[in-house]
Amino acid sequence: MFQILSLCTEEMSVLVGAVKTIFTLIQIAIPGVLIVLGTIDMFKAMASGDEKKTKEVQRTFIRRLVYAVIAFLIPFIIRLVFNFVAHNIGTSEGQAGQNAYNEFFACWNGTATES
């Protein structure tokens, strides 16, 4: 299973770069869209003058803000989980996993995202 991760070739570098670009887009686009939509809804509710609708939109806006934060933190959470798993396995297979983890993230960090 860990042999798949230990292929930091030029082709893998291109794939990792593409995945990294997609993660960056997710980190920026999803929170941005959620915040813009929430702001538009808030302005509409405030312009209507209906207090009930404004309170309902406030709750929706807060949920969207939470979702935006979660979407922004997804790559960090994934890396944290991989890091936790890689560092807490004590068998020889765990050492192979640790080596594959280190090699994969060396490949991940060595790839530049292109804008």
C-alpha atoms as a PDB file:
ATOM      1  CA  MET A   1       0.000   0.000   0.000  1.00  0.00           C
ATOM      2  CA  PHE A   2       2.764   2.440   0.853  1.00  0.00           C
ATOM      3  CA  GLN A   3       4.599   1.833  -2.422  1.00  0.00           C
ATOM      4  CA  ILE A   4       2.008   3.972  -4.196  1.00  0.00           C
ATOM      5  CA  LEU A   5       3.024   7.012  -2.159  1.00  0.00           C
ATOM      6  CA  SER A   6       6.746   6.573  -2.710  1.00  0.00           C
ATOM      7  CA  LEU A   7       6.779   7.435  -6.411  1.00  0.00           C
ATOM      8  CA  CYS A   8       8.010  11.031  -6.513  1.00  0.00           C
ATOM      9  CA  THR A   9       8.770  10.996 -10.216  1.00  0.00           C
ATOM     10  CA  GLU A  10       8.258  13.867 -12.621  1.00  0.00           C
ATOM     11  CA  GLU A  11       4.779  12.562 -13.531  1.00  0.00           C
ATOM     12  CA  MET A  12       3.857  12.271  -9.853  1.00  0.00           C
ATOM     13  CA  SER A  13       5.187  15.779  -9.313  1.00  0.00           C
ATOM     14  CA  VAL A  14       2.811  17.079 -12.002  1.00  0.00           C
ATOM     15  CA  LEU A  15      -0.109  15.215 -10.407  1.00  0.00           C
ATOM     16  CA  VAL A  16       0.778  16.491  -6.941  1.00  0.00           C
ATOM     17  CA  GLY A  17       1.028  20.019  -8.344  1.00  0.00           C
ATOM     18  CA  ALA A  18      -2.448  19.695  -9.863  1.00  0.00           C
ATOM     19  CA  VAL A  19      -3.932  18.386  -6.605  1.00  0.00           C
ATOM     20  CA  LYS A  20      -2.207  21.185  -4.716  1.00  0.00           C
ATOM     21  CA  THR A  21      -3.709  23.753  -7.098  1.00  0.00           C
ATOM     22  CA  ILE A  22      -7.178  22.239  -6.653  1.00  0.00           C
ATOM     23  CA  PHE A  23      -6.788  22.366  -2.849  1.00  0.00           C
ATOM     24  CA  THR A  24      -5.759  26.017  -3.085  1.00  0.00           C
ATOM     25  CA  LEU A  25      -8.794  26.809  -5.232  1.00  0.00           C
ATOM     26  CA  ILE A  26     -11.049  24.992  -2.756  1.00  0.00           C
ATOM     27  CA  GLN A  27      -9.486  26.905   0.124  1.00  0.00           C
ATOM     28  CA  ILE A  28     -10.170  30.239  -1.571  1.00  0.00           C
ATOM     29  CA  ALA A  29     -13.268  29.761  -3.732  1.00  0.00           C
ATOM     30  CA  ILE A  30     -15.635  27.951  -1.366  1.00  0.00           C
ATOM     31  CA  PRO A  31     -15.221  30.329   1.602  1.00  0.00           C
ATOM     32  CA  GLY A  32     -15.367  33.315  -0.739  1.00  0.00           C
ATOM     33  CA  VAL A  33     -18.589  32.183  -2.389  1.00  0.00           C
ATOM     34  CA  LEU A  34     -20.207  31.304   0.955  1.00  0.00           C
ATOM     35  CA  ILE A  35     -19.335  34.681   2.464  1.00  0.00           C
ATOM     36  CA  VAL A  36     -20.512  36.615  -0.607  1.00  0.00           C
ATOM     37  CA  LEU A  37     -23.810  34.712  -0.727  1.00  0.00           C
ATOM     38  CA  GLY A  38     -24.325  35.247   3.001  1.00  0.00           C
ATOM     39  CA  THR A  39     -23.621  38.958   2.671  1.00  0.00           C
ATOM     40  CA  ILE A  40     -26.083  39.305  -0.207  1.00  0.00           C
ATOM     41  CA  ASP A  41     -28.766  37.469   1.794  1.00  0.00           C
ATOM     42  CA  MET A  42     -28.094  39.717   4.816  1.00  0.00           C
ATOM     43  CA  PHE A  43     -28.477  42.875   2.722  1.00  0.00           C
ATOM     44  CA  LYS A  44     -31.728  41.592   1.209  1.00  0.00           C
ATOM     45  CA  ALA A  45     -33.139  40.695   4.633  1.00  0.00           C
ATOM     46  CA  MET A  46     -32.122  44.029   6.150  1.00  0.00           C
ATOM     47  CA  ALA A  47     -33.587  45.922   3.193  1.00  0.00           C
ATOM     48  CA  SER A  48     -36.907  44.109   3.566  1.00  0.00           C
ATOM     49  CA  GLY A  49     -37.213  45.304   7.180  1.00  0.00           C
ATOM     50  CA  ASP A  50     -38.713  41.992   8.346  1.00  0.00           C
ATOM     51  CA  GLU A  51     -37.146  41.092  11.716  1.00  0.00           C
ATOM     52  CA  LYS A  52     -38.138  37.428  11.535  1.00  0.00           C
ATOM     53  CA  LYS A  53     -36.529  37.026   8.130  1.00  0.00           C
ATOM     54  CA  THR A  54     -33.428  38.919   9.294  1.00  0.00           C
ATOM     55  CA  LYS A  55     -32.941  36.578  12.276  1.00  0.00           C
ATOM     56  CA  GLU A  56     -33.390  33.534  10.034  1.00  0.00           C
ATOM     57  CA  VAL A  57     -30.833  34.885   7.556  1.00  0.00           C
ATOM     58  CA  GLN A  58     -28.419  35.611  10.434  1.00  0.00           C
ATOM     59  CA  ARG A  59     -28.535  31.960  11.485  1.00  0.00           C
ATOM     60  CA  THR A  60     -27.934  30.876   7.888  1.00  0.00           C
ATOM     61  CA  PHE A  61     -25.066  33.360   7.573  1.00  0.00           C
ATOM     62  CA  ILE A  62     -23.398  32.024  10.734  1.00  0.00           C
ATOM     63  CA  ARG A  63     -23.695  28.462   9.407  1.00  0.00           C
ATOM     64  CA  ARG A  64     -22.144  29.560   6.115  1.00  0.00           C
ATOM     65  CA  LEU A  65     -19.269  31.191   7.978  1.00  0.00           C
ATOM     66  CA  VAL A  66     -18.641  27.936   9.866  1.00  0.00           C
ATOM     67  CA  TYR A  67     -18.714  25.989   6.592  1.00  0.00           C
ATOM     68  CA  ALA A  68     -16.295  28.503   5.060  1.00  0.00           C
ATOM     69  CA  VAL A  69     -13.833  28.022   7.931  1.00  0.00           C
ATOM     70  CA  ILE A  70     -14.113  24.239   7.650  1.00  0.00           C
ATOM     71  CA  ALA A  71     -13.547  24.360   3.876  1.00  0.00           C
ATOM     72  CA  PHE A  72     -10.501  26.576   4.410  1.00  0.00           C
ATOM     73  CA  LEU A  73      -9.060  24.164   6.999  1.00  0.00           C
ATOM     74  CA  ILE A  74      -9.641  20.885   5.096  1.00  0.00           C
ATOM     75  CA  PRO A  75      -6.070  20.586   3.733  1.00  0.00           C
ATOM     76  CA  PHE A  76      -4.660  21.340   7.190  1.00  0.00           C
ATOM     77  CA  ILE A  77      -6.931  18.721   8.789  1.00  0.00           C
ATOM     78  CA  ILE A  78      -5.941  16.101   6.186  1.00  0.00           C
ATOM     79  CA  ARG A  79      -2.252  16.766   6.769  1.00  0.00           C
ATOM     80  CA  LEU A  80      -2.763  16.643  10.548  1.00  0.00           C
ATOM     81  CA  VAL A  81      -4.450  13.235  10.284  1.00  0.00           C
ATOM     82  CA  PHE A  82      -1.694  11.867   8.016  1.00  0.00           C
ATOM     83  CA  ASN A  83       0.933  13.241  10.370  1.00  0.00           C
ATOM     84  CA  PHE A  84      -0.755  11.679  13.414  1.00  0.00           C
ATOM     85  CA  VAL A  85      -1.096   8.279  11.757  1.00  0.00           C
ATOM     86  CA  ALA A  86       2.447   8.296  10.371  1.00  0.00           C
ATOM     87  CA  HIS A  87       4.042   9.167  13.701  1.00  0.00           C
ATOM     88  CA  ASN A  88       2.015   6.774  15.887  1.00  0.00           C
ATOM     89  CA  ILE A  89       2.685   3.430  14.205  1.00  0.00           C
ATOM     90  CA  GLY A  90       5.471   1.455  15.874  1.00  0.00           C
ATOM     91  CA  THR A  91       5.839  -1.680  13.700  1.00  0.00           C
ATOM     92  CA  SER A  92       8.175  -2.241  10.777  1.00  0.00           C
ATOM     93  CA  GLU A  93       5.238  -1.614   8.456  1.00  0.00           C
ATOM     94  CA  GLY A  94       4.755   1.598  10.395  1.00  0.00           C
ATOM     95  CA  GLN A  95       8.341   2.562   9.606  1.00  0.00           C
ATOM     96  CA  ALA A  96       7.661   1.925   5.919  1.00  0.00           C
ATOM     97  CA  GLY A  97       4.578   4.101   6.265  1.00  0.00           C
ATOM     98  CA  GLN A  98       6.615   6.800   7.984  1.00  0.00           C
ATOM     99  CA  ASN A  99       9.174   6.721   5.168  1.00  0.00           C
ATOM    100  CA  ALA A 100       6.425   6.881   2.518  1.00  0.00           C
ATOM    101  CA  TYR A 101       4.801   9.757   4.407  1.00  0.00           C
ATOM    102  CA  ASN A 102       8.080  11.675   4.543  1.00  0.00           C
ATOM    103  CA  GLU A 103       8.776  11.045   0.865  1.00  0.00           C
ATOM    104  CA  PHE A 104       5.268  12.005  -0.217  1.00  0.00           C
ATOM    105  CA  PHE A 105       5.284  15.270   1.701  1.00  0.00           C
ATOM    106  CA  ALA A 106       8.794  16.042   0.484  1.00  0.00           C
ATOM    107  CA  CYS A 107       7.328  15.670  -3.018  1.00  0.00           C
ATOM    108  CA  TRP A 108       4.258  17.718  -1.958  1.00  0.00           C
ATOM    109  CA  ASN A 109       6.371  20.541  -0.556  1.00  0.00           C
ATOM    110  CA  GLY A 110       8.763  20.447  -3.506  1.00  0.00           C
ATOM    111  CA  THR A 111       6.012  21.176  -6.011  1.00  0.00           C
ATOM    112  CA  ALA A 112       5.106  24.766  -6.667  1.00  0.00           C
ATOM    113  CA  THR A 113       1.501  25.659  -7.352  1.00  0.00           C
ATOM    114  CA  GLU A 114       1.130  27.580 -10.572  1.00  0.00           C
ATOM    115  CA  SER A 115      -1.230  30.513 -10.672  1.00  0.00           C
END
